[in-house]
Amino acid sequence: MPSLTRFLIVLAVIGLVLFGLVYALGTYVRPATRPMSVDVPLTRLGR
């Protein structure tokens, strides 16, 4: 039983670290934005 407890604790710690990384990336990293325009030919609109 102690090995199962240790395994579950290790999984929980790894999960918390991954959650922290995803949270930090979502909170502190801002993507670089730039204007974008795409010309769509009329033939692709079904005319």
PDB file of N, CA and C in Angstrom:
ATOM      1  N   MET A   1       0.802  -1.205   0.000  1.00  0.00           N
ATOM      2  CA  MET A   1       0.000   0.000   0.000  1.00  0.00           C
ATOM      3  C   MET A   1       0.846   1.271   0.000  1.00  0.00           C
ATOM      4  N   PRO A   2       1.988   1.301   0.678  1.00  0.00           N
ATOM      5  CA  PRO A   2       2.797   2.525   0.625  1.00  0.00           C
ATOM      6  C   PRO A   2       3.277   2.857  -0.791  1.00  0.00           C
ATOM      7  N   SER A   3       3.518   1.830  -1.615  1.00  0.00           N
ATOM      8  CA  SER A   3       3.976   2.120  -2.978  1.00  0.00           C
ATOM      9  C   SER A   3       2.853   2.752  -3.792  1.00  0.00           C
ATOM     10  N   LEU A   4       1.610   2.347  -3.544  1.00  0.00           N
ATOM     11  CA  LEU A   4       0.472   2.957  -4.233  1.00  0.00           C
ATOM     12  C   LEU A   4       0.317   4.422  -3.808  1.00  0.00           C
ATOM     13  N   THR A   5       0.465   4.686  -2.533  1.00  0.00           N
ATOM     14  CA  THR A   5       0.369   6.059  -2.028  1.00  0.00           C
ATOM     15  C   THR A   5       1.465   6.925  -2.638  1.00  0.00           C
ATOM     16  N   ARG A   6       2.671   6.401  -2.667  1.00  0.00           N
ATOM     17  CA  ARG A   6       3.792   7.144  -3.243  1.00  0.00           C
ATOM     18  C   ARG A   6       3.546   7.421  -4.722  1.00  0.00           C
ATOM     19  N   PHE A   7       3.034   6.435  -5.436  1.00  0.00           N
ATOM     20  CA  PHE A   7       2.734   6.589  -6.862  1.00  0.00           C
ATOM     21  C   PHE A   7       1.677   7.674  -7.071  1.00  0.00           C
ATOM     22  N   LEU A   8       0.618   7.653  -6.270  1.00  0.00           N
ATOM     23  CA  LEU A   8      -0.438   8.663  -6.409  1.00  0.00           C
ATOM     24  C   LEU A   8       0.067  10.061  -6.065  1.00  0.00           C
ATOM     25  N   ILE A   9       0.933  10.161  -5.073  1.00  0.00           N
ATOM     26  CA  ILE A   9       1.499  11.465  -4.715  1.00  0.00           C
ATOM     27  C   ILE A   9       2.389  11.978  -5.834  1.00  0.00           C
ATOM     28  N   VAL A  10       3.187  11.103  -6.438  1.00  0.00           N
ATOM     29  CA  VAL A  10       4.045  11.520  -7.559  1.00  0.00           C
ATOM     30  C   VAL A  10       3.192  11.978  -8.730  1.00  0.00           C
ATOM     31  N   LEU A  11       2.113  11.259  -9.034  1.00  0.00           N
ATOM     32  CA  LEU A  11       1.212  11.684 -10.107  1.00  0.00           C
ATOM     33  C   LEU A  11       0.572  13.035  -9.798  1.00  0.00           C
ATOM     34  N   ALA A  12       0.182  13.241  -8.562  1.00  0.00           N
ATOM     35  CA  ALA A  12      -0.427  14.512  -8.174  1.00  0.00           C
ATOM     36  C   ALA A  12       0.571  15.659  -8.317  1.00  0.00           C
ATOM     37  N   VAL A  13       1.811  15.431  -7.915  1.00  0.00           N
ATOM     38  CA  VAL A  13       2.838  16.476  -8.023  1.00  0.00           C
ATOM     39  C   VAL A  13       3.114  16.797  -9.487  1.00  0.00           C
ATOM     40  N   ILE A  14       3.228  15.785 -10.313  1.00  0.00           N
ATOM     41  CA  ILE A  14       3.457  16.013 -11.748  1.00  0.00           C
ATOM     42  C   ILE A  14       2.280  16.765 -12.356  1.00  0.00           C
ATOM     43  N   GLY A  15       1.066  16.394 -11.979  1.00  0.00           N
ATOM     44  CA  GLY A  15      -0.113  17.093 -12.477  1.00  0.00           C
ATOM     45  C   GLY A  15      -0.139  18.550 -12.047  1.00  0.00           C
ATOM     46  N   LEU A  16       0.218  18.817 -10.793  1.00  0.00           N
ATOM     47  CA  LEU A  16       0.246  20.205 -10.318  1.00  0.00           C
ATOM     48  C   LEU A  16       1.317  21.030 -11.032  1.00  0.00           C
ATOM     49  N   VAL A  17       2.460  20.419 -11.296  1.00  0.00           N
ATOM     50  CA  VAL A  17       3.515  21.129 -12.021  1.00  0.00           C
ATOM     51  C   VAL A  17       3.053  21.458 -13.438  1.00  0.00           C
ATOM     52  N   LEU A  18       2.426  20.501 -14.108  1.00  0.00           N
ATOM     53  CA  LEU A  18       1.921  20.753 -15.458  1.00  0.00           C
ATOM     54  C   LEU A  18       0.831  21.816 -15.445  1.00  0.00           C
ATOM     55  N   PHE A  19      -0.059  21.755 -14.475  1.00  0.00           N
ATOM     56  CA  PHE A  19      -1.093  22.770 -14.359  1.00  0.00           C
ATOM     57  C   PHE A  19      -0.473  24.147 -14.132  1.00  0.00           C
ATOM     58  N   GLY A  20       0.544  24.223 -13.305  1.00  0.00           N
ATOM     59  CA  GLY A  20       1.232  25.487 -13.056  1.00  0.00           C
ATOM     60  C   GLY A  20       1.894  26.031 -14.309  1.00  0.00           C
ATOM     61  N   LEU A  21       2.488  25.154 -15.109  1.00  0.00           N
ATOM     62  CA  LEU A  21       3.111  25.595 -16.351  1.00  0.00           C
ATOM     63  C   LEU A  21       2.071  26.136 -17.331  1.00  0.00           C
ATOM     64  N   VAL A  22       0.963  25.434 -17.472  1.00  0.00           N
ATOM     65  CA  VAL A  22      -0.087  25.889 -18.382  1.00  0.00           C
ATOM     66  C   VAL A  22      -0.670  27.208 -17.892  1.00  0.00           C
ATOM     67  N   TYR A  23      -0.873  27.343 -16.600  1.00  0.00           N
ATOM     68  CA  TYR A  23      -1.398  28.590 -16.040  1.00  0.00           C
ATOM     69  C   TYR A  23      -0.427  29.742 -16.274  1.00  0.00           C
ATOM     70  N   ALA A  24       0.863  29.490 -16.044  1.00  0.00           N
ATOM     71  CA  ALA A  24       1.868  30.536 -16.238  1.00  0.00           C
ATOM     72  C   ALA A  24       1.938  30.955 -17.700  1.00  0.00           C
ATOM     73  N   LEU A  25       1.883  29.993 -18.619  1.00  0.00           N
ATOM     74  CA  LEU A  25       1.912  30.334 -20.041  1.00  0.00           C
ATOM     75  C   LEU A  25       0.676  31.142 -20.424  1.00  0.00           C
ATOM     76  N   GLY A  26      -0.466  30.769 -19.912  1.00  0.00           N
ATOM     77  CA  GLY A  26      -1.692  31.484 -20.245  1.00  0.00           C
ATOM     78  C   GLY A  26      -1.772  32.851 -19.627  1.00  0.00           C
ATOM     79  N   THR A  27      -1.100  33.063 -18.515  1.00  0.00           N
ATOM     80  CA  THR A  27      -1.191  34.328 -17.797  1.00  0.00           C
ATOM     81  C   THR A  27      -0.104  35.319 -18.213  1.00  0.00           C
ATOM     82  N   TYR A  28       1.123  34.844 -18.333  1.00  0.00           N
ATOM     83  CA  TYR A  28       2.251  35.754 -18.494  1.00  0.00           C
ATOM     84  C   TYR A  28       2.771  35.891 -19.923  1.00  0.00           C
ATOM     85  N   VAL A  29       2.453  34.980 -20.806  1.00  0.00           N
ATOM     86  CA  VAL A  29       2.972  35.042 -22.172  1.00  0.00           C
ATOM     87  C   VAL A  29       1.902  35.627 -23.078  1.00  0.00           C
ATOM     88  N   ARG A  30       2.218  36.727 -23.727  1.00  0.00           N
ATOM     89  CA  ARG A  30       1.297  37.375 -24.655  1.00  0.00           C
ATOM     90  C   ARG A  30       1.761  37.115 -26.083  1.00  0.00           C
ATOM     91  N   PRO A  31       0.882  36.632 -26.946  1.00  0.00           N
ATOM     92  CA  PRO A  31       1.289  36.374 -28.324  1.00  0.00           C
ATOM     93  C   PRO A  31       1.501  37.673 -29.096  1.00  0.00           C
ATOM     94  N   ALA A  32       2.417  37.641 -30.042  1.00  0.00           N
ATOM     95  CA  ALA A  32       2.643  38.799 -30.901  1.00  0.00           C
ATOM     96  C   ALA A  32       1.536  38.834 -31.960  1.00  0.00           C
ATOM     97  N   THR A  33       0.827  39.943 -32.020  1.00  0.00           N
ATOM     98  CA  THR A  33      -0.247  40.068 -33.001  1.00  0.00           C
ATOM     99  C   THR A  33       0.182  41.022 -34.103  1.00  0.00           C
ATOM    100  N   ARG A  34      -0.349  40.791 -35.296  1.00  0.00           N
ATOM    101  CA  ARG A  34      -0.077  41.674 -36.427  1.00  0.00           C
ATOM    102  C   ARG A  34      -1.294  41.646 -37.335  1.00  0.00           C
ATOM    103  N   PRO A  35      -1.498  42.715 -38.092  1.00  0.00           N
ATOM    104  CA  PRO A  35      -2.656  42.729 -38.989  1.00  0.00           C
ATOM    105  C   PRO A  35      -2.503  41.703 -40.104  1.00  0.00           C
ATOM    106  N   MET A  36      -3.638  41.159 -40.540  1.00  0.00           N
ATOM    107  CA  MET A  36      -3.600  40.135 -41.565  1.00  0.00           C
ATOM    108  C   MET A  36      -4.791  40.321 -42.495  1.00  0.00           C
ATOM    109  N   SER A  37      -4.540  40.180 -43.768  1.00  0.00           N
ATOM    110  CA  SER A  37      -5.630  40.212 -44.739  1.00  0.00           C
ATOM    111  C   SER A  37      -5.371  39.138 -45.788  1.00  0.00           C
ATOM    112  N   VAL A  38      -6.455  38.492 -46.214  1.00  0.00           N
ATOM    113  CA  VAL A  38      -6.354  37.418 -47.192  1.00  0.00           C
ATOM    114  C   VAL A  38      -7.327  37.713 -48.316  1.00  0.00           C
ATOM    115  N   ASP A  39      -6.846  37.732 -49.562  1.00  0.00           N
ATOM    116  CA  ASP A  39      -7.703  37.920 -50.705  1.00  0.00           C
ATOM    117  C   ASP A  39      -8.314  36.578 -51.106  1.00  0.00           C
ATOM    118  N   VAL A  40      -9.637  36.542 -51.181  1.00  0.00           N
ATOM    119  CA  VAL A  40     -10.339  35.333 -51.581  1.00  0.00           C
ATOM    120  C   VAL A  40     -10.916  35.550 -52.969  1.00  0.00           C
ATOM    121  N   PRO A  41     -10.519  34.743 -53.950  1.00  0.00           N
ATOM    122  CA  PRO A  41     -11.053  34.922 -55.304  1.00  0.00           C
ATOM    123  C   PRO A  41     -12.551  34.597 -55.327  1.00  0.00           C
ATOM    124  N   LEU A  42     -13.280  35.263 -56.233  1.00  0.00           N
ATOM    125  CA  LEU A  42     -14.723  35.073 -56.311  1.00  0.00           C
ATOM    126  C   LEU A  42     -15.088  33.647 -56.721  1.00  0.00           C
ATOM    127  N   THR A  43     -14.223  32.954 -57.441  1.00  0.00           N
ATOM    128  CA  THR A  43     -14.526  31.589 -57.849  1.00  0.00           C
ATOM    129  C   THR A  43     -14.631  30.667 -56.643  1.00  0.00           C
ATOM    130  N   ARG A  44     -13.963  30.975 -55.582  1.00  0.00           N
ATOM    131  CA  ARG A  44     -14.026  30.132 -54.393  1.00  0.00           C
ATOM    132  C   ARG A  44     -15.285  30.400 -53.564  1.00  0.00           C
ATOM    133  N   LEU A  45     -16.009  31.483 -53.893  1.00  0.00           N
ATOM    134  CA  LEU A  45     -17.234  31.790 -53.167  1.00  0.00           C
ATOM    135  C   LEU A  45     -18.446  31.144 -53.798  1.00  0.00           C
ATOM    136  N   GLY A  46     -18.272  30.444 -54.893  1.00  0.00           N
ATOM    137  CA  GLY A  46     -19.366  29.747 -55.527  1.00  0.00           C
ATOM    138  C   GLY A  46     -20.022  30.524 -56.641  1.00  0.00           C
ATOM    139  N   ARG A  47     -19.416  31.588 -57.089  1.00  0.00           N
ATOM    140  CA  ARG A  47     -19.992  32.384 -58.193  1.00  0.00           C
ATOM    141  C   ARG A  47     -19.310  32.052 -59.477  1.00  0.00           C
TER     142      ARG A  47
END
